[in-house]
């Protein structure tokens, strides 16, 4: 009966959808379960999933379809939504009420689902909350997995809460991912002393990541770190004005991995690596380069690494726990290899240490750390994960801002506070109006970049389409990041441009990277040469 009722509601919502036209967008409004009106949430199980699947004809007629969810409504979902062949665009309705929230729903067999979405094409998420705490006491494995090679994903203003693995997991080649104003809280299993609990997880199924941008985002009470890289080659990684606190994992804070161009600046790391060394393994077996707040795996010629104006500190209560058990008083703030990568002349500007009192955040997890060190074999730990109530706050209640009397308030580029600017509304508005050297690529000048044939034996065609006029540099690099051929350096008008380039006299057989750099970002593709000299 419930499934019949759900199907009826789906049909009703689709038949009474509100369509508005701004530009060429088609907006489909999908109500969910409103707890204020009572009723049974099971009657709305997979209501969003069913509606999107049933809307295939509408999407074909207008590919620029936006699914708009109601503020304050809940959307139970047990089935995994996969957007084969269409751009999935989901947003909250305008307003100031609670964000629409996905909550764990049931699959056809009655069990709860493990993921919400596995993208198979481009995706945009705006102001959506993902709650991964299941009613059976378990957690979803991951909220969003990106599986579409070469796709573009934009996630803005979203919350990921209680996820066992990572809020956003990258599992495909040549991805472009842009993250702004995102909050990740209570990520990872609180009864595990290492691994899981991340904002972004780069998995081996993502051997090459073209672009990863993270701005104005917060990560707190996570079992591991902000970014984990399991071996991906990253062309361009940009982190600016993020706040991370109470992350306990011994792996680090931000793992740059094997990266060609990286920036980490104006960010706040408070009590990151709260656990210190993992007491469940021999600390001497841990690679030194991984026991740091910001790490890099490989240093090579041709890299561009910028790390500056970051505040990294530990509260005394966490330091006191380390002093009781650990032979290391605190982790490195930056890995020794990272100092080499940025260059000796830039080391002094990488970070500073100013202990702040944050406005409204979870208590430091010192009791938890103390209990794990005291008995590493234990399976029951204190319930001091940030779940609301005394000593804790829900994601929409967190305020990791601080008083303007601190040096950190004016330490960042352009006289702006360090950390997530969402906690400083006036400063954020000023910053967005005049961004200081911002390289955020969410509104990229480059609409299209394609090369053909690929692989090639001699002649390579390069097609780019620009949204705006821009200075453009097209170059080819070898695997070490060394530029081996420059195709173009010029100012180009908006529109489509096609160039032919003979690689047979310049490149030997093998794999290369061809990069288009505009004034707003960098985009790279792999190039395979089968002929060559």
Protein backbone atom coordinates (compact mmCIF):
# COMPACT_ATOMS: atom_id res chain seq x y z
CA UNK A 1 0.00 0.00 0.00
CA UNK A 2 2.83 2.39 0.85
CA UNK A 3 4.49 1.79 -2.53
CA UNK A 4 1.18 2.48 -4.30
CA UNK A 5 0.77 5.67 -2.29
CA UNK A 6 4.34 6.72 -3.08
CA UNK A 7 3.78 6.10 -6.78
CA UNK A 8 0.56 8.11 -6.66
CA UNK A 9 2.38 11.02 -4.98
CA UNK A 10 5.14 10.88 -7.57
CA UNK A 11 2.65 11.07 -10.42
CA UNK A 12 0.79 13.87 -8.67
CA UNK A 13 3.95 15.92 -8.12
CA UNK A 14 5.09 15.50 -11.70
CA UNK A 15 1.67 16.42 -13.06
CA UNK A 16 1.51 19.56 -10.93
CA UNK A 17 5.16 20.63 -11.22
CA UNK A 18 5.82 24.34 -11.37
CA UNK A 19 7.76 25.31 -14.47
CA UNK A 20 9.44 28.68 -14.72
CA UNK A 21 11.68 30.06 -17.40
CA UNK A 22 14.75 32.07 -16.68
CA UNK A 23 16.99 31.77 -19.67
CA UNK A 24 16.16 28.30 -20.91
CA UNK A 25 15.95 26.52 -17.58
CA UNK A 26 13.05 24.23 -16.76
CA UNK A 27 12.39 24.09 -13.02
CA UNK A 28 10.61 21.06 -11.56
CA UNK A 29 9.50 21.56 -7.96
CA UNK A 30 9.41 18.31 -5.97
CA UNK A 31 7.92 18.36 -2.45
CA UNK A 32 9.10 15.76 0.05
CA UNK A 33 7.95 14.77 3.51
CA UNK A 34 7.15 17.77 5.71
CA UNK A 35 7.64 16.66 9.34
CA UNK A 36 5.53 19.61 10.51
CA UNK A 37 2.44 18.06 8.94
CA UNK A 38 2.98 14.62 10.49
CA UNK A 39 2.49 11.45 8.51
CA UNK A 40 4.80 8.51 7.92
CA UNK A 41 8.18 9.14 6.23
CA UNK A 42 8.03 5.64 4.71
CA UNK A 43 5.18 6.90 2.54
CA UNK A 44 7.72 9.21 0.90
CA UNK A 45 10.47 6.61 0.50
CA UNK A 46 12.44 7.24 -2.73
CA UNK A 47 10.00 10.02 -3.71
CA UNK A 48 12.79 12.09 -5.27
CA UNK A 49 14.39 9.09 -6.98
CA UNK A 50 11.09 7.96 -8.49
CA UNK A 51 10.26 11.46 -9.70
CA UNK A 52 13.59 11.97 -11.46
CA UNK A 53 13.46 8.56 -13.14
CA UNK A 54 9.88 9.22 -14.30
CA UNK A 55 10.89 12.59 -15.77
CA UNK A 56 13.07 11.27 -18.62
CA UNK A 57 10.73 12.64 -21.32
CA UNK A 58 10.74 16.10 -19.78
CA UNK A 59 14.54 16.12 -19.61
CA UNK A 60 14.82 15.08 -23.24
CA UNK A 61 12.61 17.98 -24.26
CA UNK A 62 14.64 20.40 -22.14
CA UNK A 63 18.10 19.16 -21.07
CA UNK A 64 18.49 22.24 -18.89
CA UNK A 65 16.22 20.85 -16.17
CA UNK A 66 16.59 21.83 -12.52
CA UNK A 67 14.99 19.81 -9.72
CA UNK A 68 14.04 22.16 -6.91
CA UNK A 69 13.46 20.75 -3.42
CA UNK A 70 11.40 22.34 -0.68
CA UNK A 71 13.09 23.86 2.36
CA UNK A 72 12.29 22.04 5.57
CA UNK A 73 11.24 18.89 3.70
CA UNK A 74 12.92 15.49 4.07
CA UNK A 75 13.60 13.11 1.19
CA UNK A 76 14.10 9.48 2.30
CA UNK A 77 16.16 7.66 -0.32
CA UNK A 78 17.35 4.07 -0.35
CA UNK A 79 17.91 3.69 -4.09
CA UNK A 80 21.09 5.08 -5.64
CA UNK A 81 20.40 7.71 -8.29
CA UNK A 82 22.61 7.46 -11.40
CA UNK A 83 22.27 10.18 -14.03
CA UNK A 84 23.16 8.38 -17.25
CA UNK A 85 23.24 10.82 -20.16
CA UNK A 86 21.99 13.99 -18.50
CA UNK A 87 23.21 16.81 -16.30
CA UNK A 88 21.71 16.32 -12.84
CA UNK A 89 20.98 19.71 -11.30
CA UNK A 90 19.39 19.81 -7.83
CA UNK A 91 18.86 22.92 -5.76
CA UNK A 92 16.90 24.19 -2.79
CA UNK A 93 14.10 26.66 -3.25
CA UNK A 94 14.98 30.24 -2.40
CA UNK A 95 14.52 31.37 1.19
CA UNK A 96 16.09 31.16 4.63
CA UNK A 97 14.45 28.05 6.06
CA UNK A 98 16.16 24.70 6.77
CA UNK A 99 17.80 23.13 3.77
CA UNK A 100 15.96 20.26 2.06
CA UNK A 101 17.53 17.10 3.45
CA UNK A 102 18.12 13.64 2.08
CA UNK A 103 17.80 11.00 4.80
CA UNK A 104 18.47 7.25 4.53
CA UNK A 105 15.57 5.39 2.98
CA UNK A 106 14.89 1.77 2.17
CA UNK A 107 15.72 -0.39 -0.83
CA UNK A 108 13.23 -2.83 -2.32
CA UNK A 109 14.40 -5.59 0.04
CA UNK A 110 13.63 -3.43 3.10
CA UNK A 111 17.25 -2.75 4.01
CA UNK A 112 18.69 0.76 4.10
CA UNK A 113 20.75 2.13 1.23
CA UNK A 114 24.50 2.83 1.33
CA UNK A 115 24.92 5.83 -1.04
CA UNK A 116 22.66 8.58 -2.32
CA UNK A 117 24.13 9.38 -5.75
CA UNK A 118 26.66 7.99 -8.20
CA UNK A 119 27.07 10.51 -10.97
CA UNK A 120 27.43 9.22 -14.52
CA UNK A 121 27.40 12.69 -16.11
CA UNK A 122 27.80 16.34 -15.06
CA UNK A 123 26.16 17.33 -11.78
CA UNK A 124 25.29 20.51 -9.87
CA UNK A 125 24.13 20.51 -6.23
CA UNK A 126 23.06 23.76 -4.55
CA UNK A 127 22.04 24.12 -0.89
CA UNK A 128 21.13 20.50 -0.21
CA UNK A 129 21.72 18.63 3.08
CA UNK A 130 22.75 14.97 3.17
CA UNK A 131 22.19 13.20 6.50
CA UNK A 132 23.94 9.83 6.50
CA UNK A 133 22.86 8.56 9.96
CA UNK A 134 20.70 5.49 9.34
CA UNK A 135 17.78 4.64 11.65
CA UNK A 136 19.34 1.21 12.29
CA UNK A 137 22.36 2.88 13.95
CA UNK A 138 24.73 2.44 11.00
CA UNK A 139 26.01 5.04 8.53
CA UNK A 140 25.84 5.43 4.79
CA UNK A 141 29.16 4.54 3.18
CA UNK A 142 29.34 7.69 1.06
CA UNK A 143 26.91 10.41 0.04
CA UNK A 144 28.05 11.31 -3.47
CA UNK A 145 30.36 9.28 -5.71
CA UNK A 146 31.57 10.76 -9.00
CA UNK A 147 31.87 8.02 -11.65
CA UNK A 148 31.68 9.94 -14.96
CA UNK A 149 35.06 10.30 -16.67
CA UNK A 150 35.71 13.82 -17.90
CA UNK A 151 32.69 15.22 -16.06
CA UNK A 152 32.23 18.55 -14.31
CA UNK A 153 30.72 18.65 -10.80
CA UNK A 154 29.72 21.79 -8.90
CA UNK A 155 28.71 21.49 -5.23
CA UNK A 156 27.76 24.76 -3.54
CA UNK A 157 26.21 25.41 -0.11
CA UNK A 158 25.67 21.74 0.76
CA UNK A 159 25.96 19.86 4.07
CA UNK A 160 27.22 16.28 4.47
CA UNK A 161 26.53 14.92 7.92
CA UNK A 162 27.39 11.59 9.54
CA UNK A 163 28.94 9.96 6.49
CA UNK A 164 31.00 6.84 7.21
CA UNK A 165 33.40 7.36 4.32
CA UNK A 166 33.59 10.69 2.48
CA UNK A 167 31.02 13.28 1.53
CA UNK A 168 32.41 13.38 -2.01
CA UNK A 169 34.33 10.47 -3.52
CA UNK A 170 36.15 10.69 -6.86
CA UNK A 171 36.11 7.45 -8.84
CA UNK A 172 36.69 8.35 -12.49
CA UNK A 173 39.35 9.77 -14.77
CA UNK A 174 39.89 13.41 -15.79
CA UNK A 175 37.41 15.00 -13.38
CA UNK A 176 36.74 18.70 -12.72
CA UNK A 177 35.22 19.26 -9.28
CA UNK A 178 34.35 22.65 -7.75
CA UNK A 179 33.29 22.86 -4.10
CA UNK A 180 32.17 26.04 -2.32
CA UNK A 181 30.43 26.80 0.98
CA UNK A 182 30.24 23.12 1.96
CA UNK A 183 30.12 21.73 5.51
CA UNK A 184 31.16 18.19 6.44
CA UNK A 185 30.52 17.12 10.04
CA UNK A 186 30.76 13.90 12.06
CA UNK A 187 32.37 12.13 9.12
CA UNK A 188 33.72 8.64 9.69
CA UNK A 189 33.01 6.10 12.39
CA UNK A 190 33.64 7.52 15.85
CA UNK A 191 34.69 4.06 17.14
CA UNK A 192 37.51 3.76 14.62
CA UNK A 193 40.92 5.31 15.27
CA UNK A 194 41.97 5.90 11.68
CA UNK A 195 40.75 6.13 8.11
CA UNK A 196 37.48 7.35 6.59
CA UNK A 197 35.81 10.64 7.48
CA UNK A 198 36.73 13.08 4.72
CA UNK A 199 35.44 15.97 2.64
CA UNK A 200 36.96 14.65 -0.61
CA UNK A 201 38.39 11.19 -1.23
CA UNK A 202 40.47 10.57 -4.38
CA UNK A 203 40.30 6.84 -5.02
CA UNK A 204 42.50 4.68 -7.32
CA UNK A 205 39.61 4.67 -9.82
CA UNK A 206 40.48 8.37 -10.37
CA UNK A 207 44.02 8.03 -11.76
CA UNK A 208 44.04 11.60 -13.05
CA UNK A 209 42.12 14.58 -11.65
CA UNK A 210 42.17 17.67 -13.81
CA UNK A 211 40.81 20.26 -11.36
CA UNK A 212 39.77 20.22 -7.71
CA UNK A 213 38.75 23.55 -6.15
CA UNK A 214 37.63 23.85 -2.51
CA UNK A 215 36.65 27.27 -1.14
CA UNK A 216 34.91 28.60 1.98
CA UNK A 217 34.18 25.18 3.41
CA UNK A 218 34.25 23.58 6.88
CA UNK A 219 35.24 20.12 8.07
CA UNK A 220 34.80 19.16 11.72
CA UNK A 221 34.76 16.05 13.90
CA UNK A 222 36.05 13.86 11.10
CA UNK A 223 37.87 10.59 11.60
CA UNK A 224 40.46 11.42 8.99
CA UNK A 225 41.24 14.53 6.91
CA UNK A 226 39.97 17.17 4.52
CA UNK A 227 41.42 15.65 1.34
CA UNK A 228 42.77 12.12 0.91
CA UNK A 229 44.70 11.24 -2.25
CA UNK A 230 45.26 7.52 -2.80
CA UNK A 231 47.68 7.98 -5.70
CA UNK A 232 45.88 10.20 -8.21
CA UNK A 233 47.87 12.53 -10.42
CA UNK A 234 46.28 15.93 -9.80
CA UNK A 235 46.79 18.67 -12.33
CA UNK A 236 45.34 21.57 -10.36
CA UNK A 237 44.30 21.66 -6.69
CA UNK A 238 43.15 24.92 -5.13
CA UNK A 239 42.16 25.29 -1.44
CA UNK A 240 41.28 28.72 -0.10
CA UNK A 241 39.58 29.88 3.12
CA UNK A 242 38.62 26.54 4.61
CA UNK A 243 38.19 25.77 8.31
CA UNK A 244 38.97 22.35 9.76
CA UNK A 245 38.80 21.46 13.45
CA UNK A 246 38.56 18.37 15.66
CA UNK A 247 39.72 15.93 13.02
CA UNK A 248 41.30 12.98 14.77
CA UNK A 249 42.92 10.90 12.02
CA UNK A 250 46.64 10.27 12.12
CA UNK A 251 46.96 10.52 8.34
CA UNK A 252 47.03 14.32 8.26
CA UNK A 253 44.84 17.25 7.29
CA UNK A 254 45.27 17.87 3.55
CA UNK A 255 47.08 15.27 1.44
CA UNK A 256 48.17 16.89 -1.79
CA UNK A 257 49.60 13.64 -3.12
CA UNK A 258 51.18 13.70 -6.58
CA UNK A 259 50.18 17.18 -7.73
CA UNK A 260 51.42 19.51 -10.47
CA UNK A 261 49.83 22.81 -9.41
CA UNK A 262 48.55 23.29 -5.87
CA UNK A 263 47.55 26.17 -3.61
CA UNK A 264 46.58 25.97 0.08
CA UNK A 265 46.08 29.40 1.59
CA UNK A 266 44.11 31.50 4.09
CA UNK A 267 42.86 28.38 5.88
CA UNK A 268 42.38 27.49 9.54
CA UNK A 269 43.39 24.10 10.97
CA UNK A 270 42.53 23.76 14.67
CA UNK A 271 43.17 20.45 16.46
CA UNK A 272 43.72 18.66 13.16
CA UNK A 273 45.24 15.22 13.83
CA UNK A 274 43.85 15.36 17.37
CA UNK A 275 44.69 11.68 17.83
CA UNK A 276 48.40 12.19 17.41
CA UNK A 277 50.04 8.92 16.41
CA UNK A 278 47.58 6.08 16.04
CA UNK A 279 47.96 4.04 19.25
CA UNK A 280 46.72 0.86 17.56
CA UNK A 281 49.84 0.50 15.43
CA UNK A 282 53.56 0.94 15.99
CA UNK A 283 54.12 4.64 15.48
CA UNK A 284 57.60 4.01 14.12
CA UNK A 285 56.12 2.32 11.04
CA UNK A 286 54.22 5.44 9.98
CA UNK A 287 55.79 7.43 7.12
CA UNK A 288 57.05 10.71 8.50
CA UNK A 289 55.75 12.64 5.50
CA UNK A 290 52.17 11.56 6.29
CA UNK A 291 52.23 12.74 9.90
CA UNK A 292 51.63 16.39 9.13
CA UNK A 293 48.70 18.74 8.67
CA UNK A 294 49.60 19.44 5.02
CA UNK A 295 51.53 16.80 3.08
CA UNK A 296 52.80 16.18 -0.42
CA UNK A 297 53.90 12.83 -1.79
CA UNK A 298 56.29 13.74 -4.60
CA UNK A 299 58.51 16.72 -5.45
CA UNK A 300 59.58 17.13 -9.08
CA UNK A 301 60.68 19.77 -11.56
CA UNK A 302 57.92 21.85 -13.05
CA UNK A 303 55.66 21.83 -10.00
CA UNK A 304 53.95 25.01 -8.80
CA UNK A 305 53.17 24.74 -5.09
CA UNK A 306 51.84 27.71 -3.09
CA UNK A 307 51.17 27.35 0.65
CA UNK A 308 50.72 30.56 2.63
CA UNK A 309 48.81 32.38 5.38
CA UNK A 310 47.39 29.29 7.08
CA UNK A 311 46.75 29.25 10.85
CA UNK A 312 47.60 25.84 12.35
CA UNK A 313 47.30 25.34 16.11
CA UNK A 314 46.32 22.93 18.91
CA UNK A 315 44.36 23.64 22.06
CA UNK A 316 46.23 22.98 25.27
CA UNK A 317 43.74 20.26 26.26
CA UNK A 318 44.78 18.21 23.21
CA UNK A 319 48.48 18.82 23.81
CA UNK A 320 48.05 17.60 27.40
CA UNK A 321 46.62 14.30 26.18
CA UNK A 322 49.58 13.81 23.86
CA UNK A 323 51.94 14.52 26.76
CA UNK A 324 50.41 11.65 28.73
CA UNK A 325 50.83 8.97 26.08
CA UNK A 326 52.69 9.96 22.93
CA UNK A 327 56.39 10.33 22.28
CA UNK A 328 55.63 13.10 19.78
CA UNK A 329 54.36 16.35 21.29
CA UNK A 330 52.64 17.46 18.08
CA UNK A 331 52.62 16.62 14.38
CA UNK A 332 54.44 18.67 11.79
CA UNK A 333 52.34 21.55 10.55
CA UNK A 334 53.69 20.98 7.04
CA UNK A 335 55.58 17.94 5.81
CA UNK A 336 59.34 18.31 5.24
CA UNK A 337 58.80 17.44 1.57
CA UNK A 338 56.33 20.33 1.29
CA UNK A 339 58.98 22.80 2.46
CA UNK A 340 61.15 21.60 -0.42
CA UNK A 341 58.27 21.96 -2.88
CA UNK A 342 57.43 25.57 -1.97
CA UNK A 343 61.07 26.62 -1.88
CA UNK A 344 63.20 27.91 0.99
CA UNK A 345 62.28 31.52 0.32
CA UNK A 346 58.57 30.84 0.93
CA UNK A 347 58.72 28.62 4.01
CA UNK A 348 58.27 31.44 6.53
CA UNK A 349 54.93 32.44 4.99
CA UNK A 350 53.38 28.97 4.88
CA UNK A 351 51.65 29.09 8.27
CA UNK A 352 51.54 30.70 11.69
CA UNK A 353 50.19 29.60 15.08
CA UNK A 354 47.53 31.65 16.82
CA UNK A 355 45.21 29.89 19.27
CA UNK A 356 41.67 31.18 18.73
CA UNK A 357 38.43 31.00 20.67
CA UNK A 358 35.83 30.04 18.07
CA UNK A 359 32.31 31.37 18.50
CA UNK A 360 30.21 28.21 18.61
CA UNK A 361 31.84 24.88 17.90
CA UNK A 362 32.00 21.38 19.37
CA UNK A 363 34.13 20.75 22.42
CA UNK A 364 37.63 19.40 21.69
CA UNK A 365 37.48 15.62 21.58
CA UNK A 366 40.11 15.22 24.29
CA UNK A 367 38.00 12.74 26.32
CA UNK A 368 37.70 10.58 23.26
CA UNK A 369 41.43 10.75 22.51
CA UNK A 370 42.26 10.04 26.15
CA UNK A 371 40.04 6.94 26.15
CA UNK A 372 41.57 5.55 22.96
CA UNK A 373 45.12 5.99 24.20
CA UNK A 374 44.29 4.48 27.58
CA UNK A 375 42.93 1.30 25.99
CA UNK A 376 43.68 0.99 22.25
CA UNK A 377 41.83 -2.33 22.11
CA UNK A 378 38.57 -0.84 23.37
CA UNK A 379 35.49 -0.82 21.19
CA UNK A 380 33.34 1.48 23.33
CA UNK A 381 34.31 5.14 23.49
CA UNK A 382 32.77 8.29 24.97
CA UNK A 383 29.84 9.74 23.05
CA UNK A 384 31.41 13.11 22.37
CA UNK A 385 31.02 13.21 18.63
CA UNK A 386 29.37 16.50 17.76
CA UNK A 387 25.73 15.42 17.69
CA UNK A 388 24.05 18.42 19.28
CA UNK A 389 23.14 19.05 22.88
CA UNK A 390 25.68 19.81 25.59
CA UNK A 391 29.11 20.39 24.09
CA UNK A 392 27.97 19.86 20.52
CA UNK A 393 26.14 21.51 17.66
CA UNK A 394 24.44 20.43 14.49
CA UNK A 395 25.99 21.58 11.17
CA UNK A 396 23.61 24.51 10.72
CA UNK A 397 24.46 25.72 14.24
CA UNK A 398 28.25 25.73 13.88
CA UNK A 399 29.93 29.13 13.94
CA UNK A 400 33.70 28.81 13.63
CA UNK A 401 34.19 32.54 13.41
CA UNK A 402 36.21 34.50 15.95
CA UNK A 403 36.64 38.04 17.25
CA UNK A 404 38.23 40.69 15.06
CA UNK A 405 40.77 41.35 17.81
CA UNK A 406 42.78 38.31 16.72
CA UNK A 407 45.63 38.67 14.25
CA UNK A 408 44.01 35.96 12.13
CA UNK A 409 41.17 38.34 11.35
CA UNK A 410 43.43 40.37 9.08
CA UNK A 411 46.16 37.85 8.33
CA UNK A 412 44.85 36.57 5.03
CA UNK A 413 45.33 37.98 1.54
CA UNK A 414 43.61 41.32 1.04
CA UNK A 415 43.12 41.91 4.77
CA UNK A 416 40.47 39.17 5.15
CA UNK A 417 40.08 36.62 7.97
CA UNK A 418 41.74 33.23 7.84
CA UNK A 419 39.27 30.37 7.55
CA UNK A 420 35.79 29.96 6.10
CA UNK A 421 34.49 33.41 5.21
CA UNK A 422 30.88 32.31 5.68
CA UNK A 423 31.42 33.03 9.39
CA UNK A 424 32.27 36.64 8.54
CA UNK A 425 29.36 37.81 6.35
CA UNK A 426 30.51 41.41 5.92
CA UNK A 427 34.02 40.38 4.98
CA UNK A 428 32.73 37.67 2.68
CA UNK A 429 30.56 40.12 0.76
CA UNK A 430 33.54 42.43 0.37
CA UNK A 431 35.76 39.53 -0.70
CA UNK A 432 33.26 38.30 -3.31
CA UNK A 433 32.89 41.79 -4.74
CA UNK A 434 36.67 42.15 -5.12
CA UNK A 435 38.23 38.68 -4.89
CA UNK A 436 41.98 38.92 -4.20
CA UNK A 437 43.72 36.93 -6.92
CA UNK A 438 40.84 34.48 -6.95
CA UNK A 439 41.29 31.54 -9.30
CA UNK A 440 37.97 29.86 -8.53
CA UNK A 441 36.85 28.15 -11.72
CA UNK A 442 33.18 27.55 -10.96
CA UNK A 443 32.36 30.04 -13.75
CA UNK A 444 35.10 28.91 -16.06
CA UNK A 445 35.87 30.85 -19.22
CA UNK A 446 36.52 27.54 -20.98
CA UNK A 447 33.25 25.92 -22.07
CA UNK A 448 34.81 23.15 -24.16
CA UNK A 449 38.24 21.62 -24.67
CA UNK A 450 38.67 18.62 -26.96
CA UNK A 451 41.55 17.01 -28.83
CA UNK A 452 41.40 14.57 -31.76
CA UNK A 453 42.53 12.13 -32.85
CA UNK A 454 43.76 10.76 -29.54
CA UNK A 455 45.94 8.70 -29.74
CA UNK A 456 47.65 10.49 -32.64
CA UNK A 457 50.63 9.68 -34.83
CA UNK A 458 51.34 13.19 -36.11
CA UNK A 459 48.55 15.73 -36.62
CA UNK A 460 46.62 16.82 -33.50
CA UNK A 461 43.48 18.98 -33.67
CA UNK A 462 42.68 21.15 -30.64
CA UNK A 463 39.22 22.67 -30.20
CA UNK A 464 38.38 25.17 -27.48
CA UNK A 465 35.25 27.24 -26.88
CA UNK A 466 35.50 30.34 -24.71
CA UNK A 467 32.61 31.95 -22.87
CA UNK A 468 34.53 35.23 -22.64
CA UNK A 469 37.62 36.69 -24.25
CA UNK A 470 40.77 35.70 -22.37
CA UNK A 471 44.50 35.27 -22.57
CA UNK A 472 45.08 31.62 -23.46
CA UNK A 473 48.13 29.40 -23.14
CA UNK A 474 48.03 25.92 -24.69
CA UNK A 475 51.04 23.73 -23.88
CA UNK A 476 52.06 20.07 -23.80
CA UNK A 477 53.90 18.63 -20.80
CA UNK A 478 55.65 15.32 -20.25
CA UNK A 479 54.99 13.11 -17.22
CA UNK A 480 57.38 15.11 -15.04
CA UNK A 481 55.50 18.35 -15.68
CA UNK A 482 58.14 19.79 -18.06
CA UNK A 483 56.73 21.82 -20.97
CA UNK A 484 57.88 20.12 -24.18
CA UNK A 485 55.78 22.03 -26.71
CA UNK A 486 53.93 25.36 -26.72
CA UNK A 487 50.94 25.40 -29.05
CA UNK A 488 49.56 28.88 -28.41
CA UNK A 489 50.10 32.00 -26.32
CA UNK A 490 47.61 34.65 -27.34
CA UNK A 491 44.56 36.74 -26.47
CA UNK A 492 41.45 35.06 -27.93
CA UNK A 493 37.92 36.30 -28.40
CA UNK A 494 34.83 34.50 -27.11
CA UNK A 495 33.68 31.63 -29.30
CA UNK A 496 35.12 28.48 -30.86
CA UNK A 497 38.71 28.14 -31.99
CA UNK A 498 40.35 25.15 -33.68
CA UNK A 499 44.10 24.63 -34.09
CA UNK A 500 46.21 21.94 -35.74
CA UNK A 501 49.52 20.94 -34.24
CA UNK A 502 52.11 18.51 -35.65
CA UNK A 503 53.59 16.45 -32.82
CA UNK A 504 55.63 14.05 -34.98
CA UNK A 505 58.79 16.18 -34.95
CA UNK A 506 58.64 17.18 -31.27
CA UNK A 507 57.30 14.28 -29.22
CA UNK A 508 58.39 10.69 -28.89
CA UNK A 509 55.94 7.86 -28.38
CA UNK A 510 54.24 7.94 -24.95
CA UNK A 511 51.73 9.74 -22.74
CA UNK A 512 51.66 13.53 -22.27
CA UNK A 513 49.41 16.21 -20.78
CA UNK A 514 47.98 18.99 -22.93
CA UNK A 515 46.89 22.01 -20.89
CA UNK A 516 44.69 25.01 -21.65
CA UNK A 517 45.21 27.87 -19.21
CA UNK A 518 42.85 30.85 -19.26
CA UNK A 519 42.65 33.81 -16.91
CA UNK A 520 40.25 31.86 -14.67
CA UNK A 521 41.59 28.33 -14.56
CA UNK A 522 43.57 25.43 -15.95
CA UNK A 523 42.16 22.41 -17.77
CA UNK A 524 44.23 19.40 -18.81
CA UNK A 525 43.71 16.23 -20.81
CA UNK A 526 45.88 13.21 -21.37
CA UNK A 527 47.45 12.93 -24.83
CA UNK A 528 48.76 9.67 -26.29
CA UNK A 529 51.35 9.83 -29.07
CA UNK A 530 51.78 6.59 -31.04
CA UNK A 531 54.16 7.86 -33.70
CA UNK A 532 56.65 10.57 -32.91
CA UNK A 533 60.30 10.84 -33.77
